[in-house]
Amino acid sequence: MWTYNKVLEYPINIKCPNPRLAKFIISQYGGPDGELAASLRYLSQRFGMPDQKSKAILNDIGTEELAHLEMVGTIVHQLTDGCSADELEKAGLGAYYTDHGLGVYPQAAAGYPFDANCLAVKGDPIADLQEDLAAEATILQEQG
């Protein structure tokens, strides 16, 4: 296992709510290329690796992605904290608010809930590592 220090890896202190920005960032939380998908991808692929060292590396990466998930969730929460239902509706988060309140729910910006179909876990180390490279490249392209 690992030790959880109960503090964010990097402090997040957003002072001005911005639900419109939160709508975009929610995809990094629960979208197909988000942190939840990344953590589950690595933590699931580790079982198909040929040796303990590669299993340990994917386990470490997967748990690091969970830390990212926590940070992105904190960002979304802080961007919507204190917003009225009208502000959330104007930002395109009306249906989200109806279903989840101010909770942080894993979904894409388009409103599609997280789906494990976005994970590629084949049990073939080469195929799985190629998938990881492609997923990380997609994230880098999105971030510019």
Protein backbone atom coordinates (compact mmCIF):
# COMPACT_ATOMS: atom_id res chain seq x y z
CA MET A 1 0.00 0.00 0.00
CA TRP A 2 0.98 3.63 0.25
CA THR A 3 0.70 6.45 2.74
CA TYR A 4 -1.82 9.22 2.21
CA ASN A 5 -0.75 12.50 3.77
CA LYS A 6 -4.22 14.10 3.55
CA VAL A 7 -2.90 17.24 1.87
CA LEU A 8 -2.93 18.10 -1.79
CA GLU A 9 0.32 17.59 -3.64
CA TYR A 10 0.03 21.22 -4.78
CA PRO A 11 -2.18 23.68 -2.85
CA ILE A 12 -5.23 24.93 -4.74
CA ASN A 13 -6.78 28.19 -3.58
CA ILE A 14 -9.18 29.56 -6.17
CA LYS A 15 -10.71 32.76 -4.91
CA CYS A 16 -13.14 33.60 -7.73
CA PRO A 17 -15.75 31.00 -8.69
CA ASN A 18 -16.03 30.38 -12.42
CA PRO A 19 -18.60 27.69 -13.28
CA ARG A 20 -17.97 28.10 -17.02
CA LEU A 21 -14.33 27.12 -16.52
CA ALA A 22 -15.42 24.26 -14.24
CA LYS A 23 -17.50 22.86 -17.09
CA PHE A 24 -14.35 22.53 -19.20
CA ILE A 25 -12.15 21.21 -16.41
CA ILE A 26 -14.63 18.48 -15.41
CA SER A 27 -13.45 16.50 -18.46
CA GLN A 28 -9.98 16.33 -16.94
CA TYR A 29 -11.65 14.72 -13.93
CA GLY A 30 -13.95 12.15 -15.50
CA GLY A 31 -13.69 12.47 -19.27
CA PRO A 32 -12.21 9.76 -21.50
CA ASP A 33 -8.72 11.28 -21.24
CA GLY A 34 -9.09 12.46 -17.64
CA GLU A 35 -7.35 11.52 -14.45
CA LEU A 36 -9.87 8.88 -13.39
CA ALA A 37 -9.37 7.02 -16.68
CA ALA A 38 -5.61 7.36 -16.41
CA SER A 39 -5.45 6.01 -12.87
CA LEU A 40 -7.70 3.05 -13.64
CA ARG A 41 -5.82 2.33 -16.88
CA TYR A 42 -2.43 2.11 -15.15
CA LEU A 43 -3.70 0.27 -12.08
CA SER A 44 -5.47 -2.31 -14.29
CA GLN A 45 -2.67 -2.74 -16.83
CA ARG A 46 -0.11 -3.50 -14.15
CA PHE A 47 -1.43 -7.05 -13.83
CA GLY A 48 -0.41 -7.89 -17.41
CA MET A 49 3.19 -6.76 -17.01
CA PRO A 50 5.90 -9.43 -17.26
CA ASP A 51 7.89 -8.59 -14.13
CA GLN A 52 7.60 -7.01 -10.70
CA LYS A 53 9.52 -3.86 -11.67
CA SER A 54 7.14 -2.94 -14.49
CA LYS A 55 4.14 -3.78 -12.31
CA ALA A 56 5.51 -1.51 -9.59
CA ILE A 57 6.10 1.34 -12.05
CA LEU A 58 2.52 1.20 -13.36
CA ASN A 59 1.23 0.98 -9.79
CA ASP A 60 3.21 4.09 -8.85
CA ILE A 61 1.96 5.98 -11.92
CA GLY A 62 -1.64 4.91 -11.25
CA THR A 63 -1.54 6.16 -7.67
CA GLU A 64 0.06 9.42 -8.84
CA GLU A 65 -2.87 9.83 -11.24
CA LEU A 66 -5.20 9.45 -8.24
CA ALA A 67 -3.43 12.42 -6.65
CA HIS A 68 -4.08 14.36 -9.87
CA LEU A 69 -7.74 13.32 -9.69
CA GLU A 70 -7.92 14.78 -6.19
CA MET A 71 -6.41 18.07 -7.35
CA VAL A 72 -8.69 18.37 -10.40
CA GLY A 73 -11.72 17.58 -8.23
CA THR A 74 -10.64 20.32 -5.84
CA ILE A 75 -10.35 22.78 -8.74
CA VAL A 76 -13.86 21.95 -9.99
CA HIS A 77 -15.27 22.21 -6.48
CA GLN A 78 -13.64 25.57 -5.83
CA LEU A 79 -14.74 26.92 -9.22
CA THR A 80 -18.39 26.14 -8.40
CA ASP A 81 -18.38 26.77 -4.65
CA GLY A 82 -20.90 29.44 -3.72
CA CYS A 83 -22.45 29.66 -7.19
CA SER A 84 -26.20 29.99 -7.44
CA ALA A 85 -28.36 27.63 -9.48
CA ASP A 86 -28.83 30.45 -12.02
CA GLU A 87 -25.06 30.93 -12.42
CA LEU A 88 -24.58 27.21 -12.91
CA GLU A 89 -27.41 27.11 -15.46
CA LYS A 90 -25.89 30.01 -17.43
CA ALA A 91 -22.54 28.18 -17.46
CA GLY A 92 -24.17 25.07 -18.93
CA LEU A 93 -24.11 23.12 -15.66
CA GLY A 94 -27.83 23.19 -14.91
CA ALA A 95 -28.42 19.48 -15.50
CA TYR A 96 -25.19 18.62 -13.68
CA TYR A 97 -26.32 20.64 -10.65
CA THR A 98 -29.76 19.01 -10.73
CA ASP A 99 -28.22 15.54 -10.60
CA HIS A 100 -25.16 16.11 -8.40
CA GLY A 101 -25.55 19.40 -6.53
CA LEU A 102 -22.11 20.82 -5.86
CA GLY A 103 -20.57 17.35 -5.67
CA VAL A 104 -17.82 16.52 -8.14
CA TYR A 105 -19.06 13.76 -10.45
CA PRO A 106 -16.84 12.09 -13.06
CA GLN A 107 -18.08 13.13 -16.48
CA ALA A 108 -16.96 14.71 -19.72
CA ALA A 109 -17.64 18.38 -20.43
CA ALA A 110 -20.44 17.30 -22.80
CA GLY A 111 -22.21 15.71 -19.83
CA TYR A 112 -21.45 12.06 -20.56
CA PRO A 113 -20.68 10.17 -17.35
CA PHE A 114 -17.39 8.37 -16.97
CA ASP A 115 -17.40 5.05 -18.78
CA ALA A 116 -14.75 2.35 -18.45
CA ASN A 117 -15.04 1.73 -22.21
CA CYS A 118 -12.43 4.45 -22.64
CA LEU A 119 -9.84 2.20 -20.96
CA ALA A 120 -7.65 -0.05 -23.05
CA VAL A 121 -6.44 -2.97 -20.97
CA LYS A 122 -5.37 -5.85 -23.18
CA GLY A 123 -3.01 -7.84 -20.97
CA ASP A 124 -0.34 -7.44 -23.65
CA PRO A 125 2.48 -5.26 -22.26
CA ILE A 126 3.34 -3.72 -25.65
CA ALA A 127 -0.29 -2.93 -26.53
CA ASP A 128 -0.97 -1.52 -23.05
CA LEU A 129 2.15 0.67 -23.02
CA GLN A 130 1.32 1.96 -26.52
CA GLU A 131 -2.13 2.89 -25.23
CA ASP A 132 -0.53 4.72 -22.31
CA LEU A 133 1.73 6.68 -24.65
CA ALA A 134 -1.22 7.61 -26.87
CA ALA A 135 -3.34 8.70 -23.89
CA GLU A 136 -0.55 10.84 -22.42
CA ALA A 137 0.12 12.41 -25.84
CA THR A 138 -3.57 13.30 -26.12
CA ILE A 139 -3.48 15.04 -22.75
CA LEU A 140 -0.36 17.01 -23.72
CA GLN A 141 -1.95 18.13 -27.00
CA GLU A 142 -5.10 19.28 -25.17
CA GLN A 143 -3.04 21.29 -22.70
CA GLY A 144 -1.16 23.02 -25.52
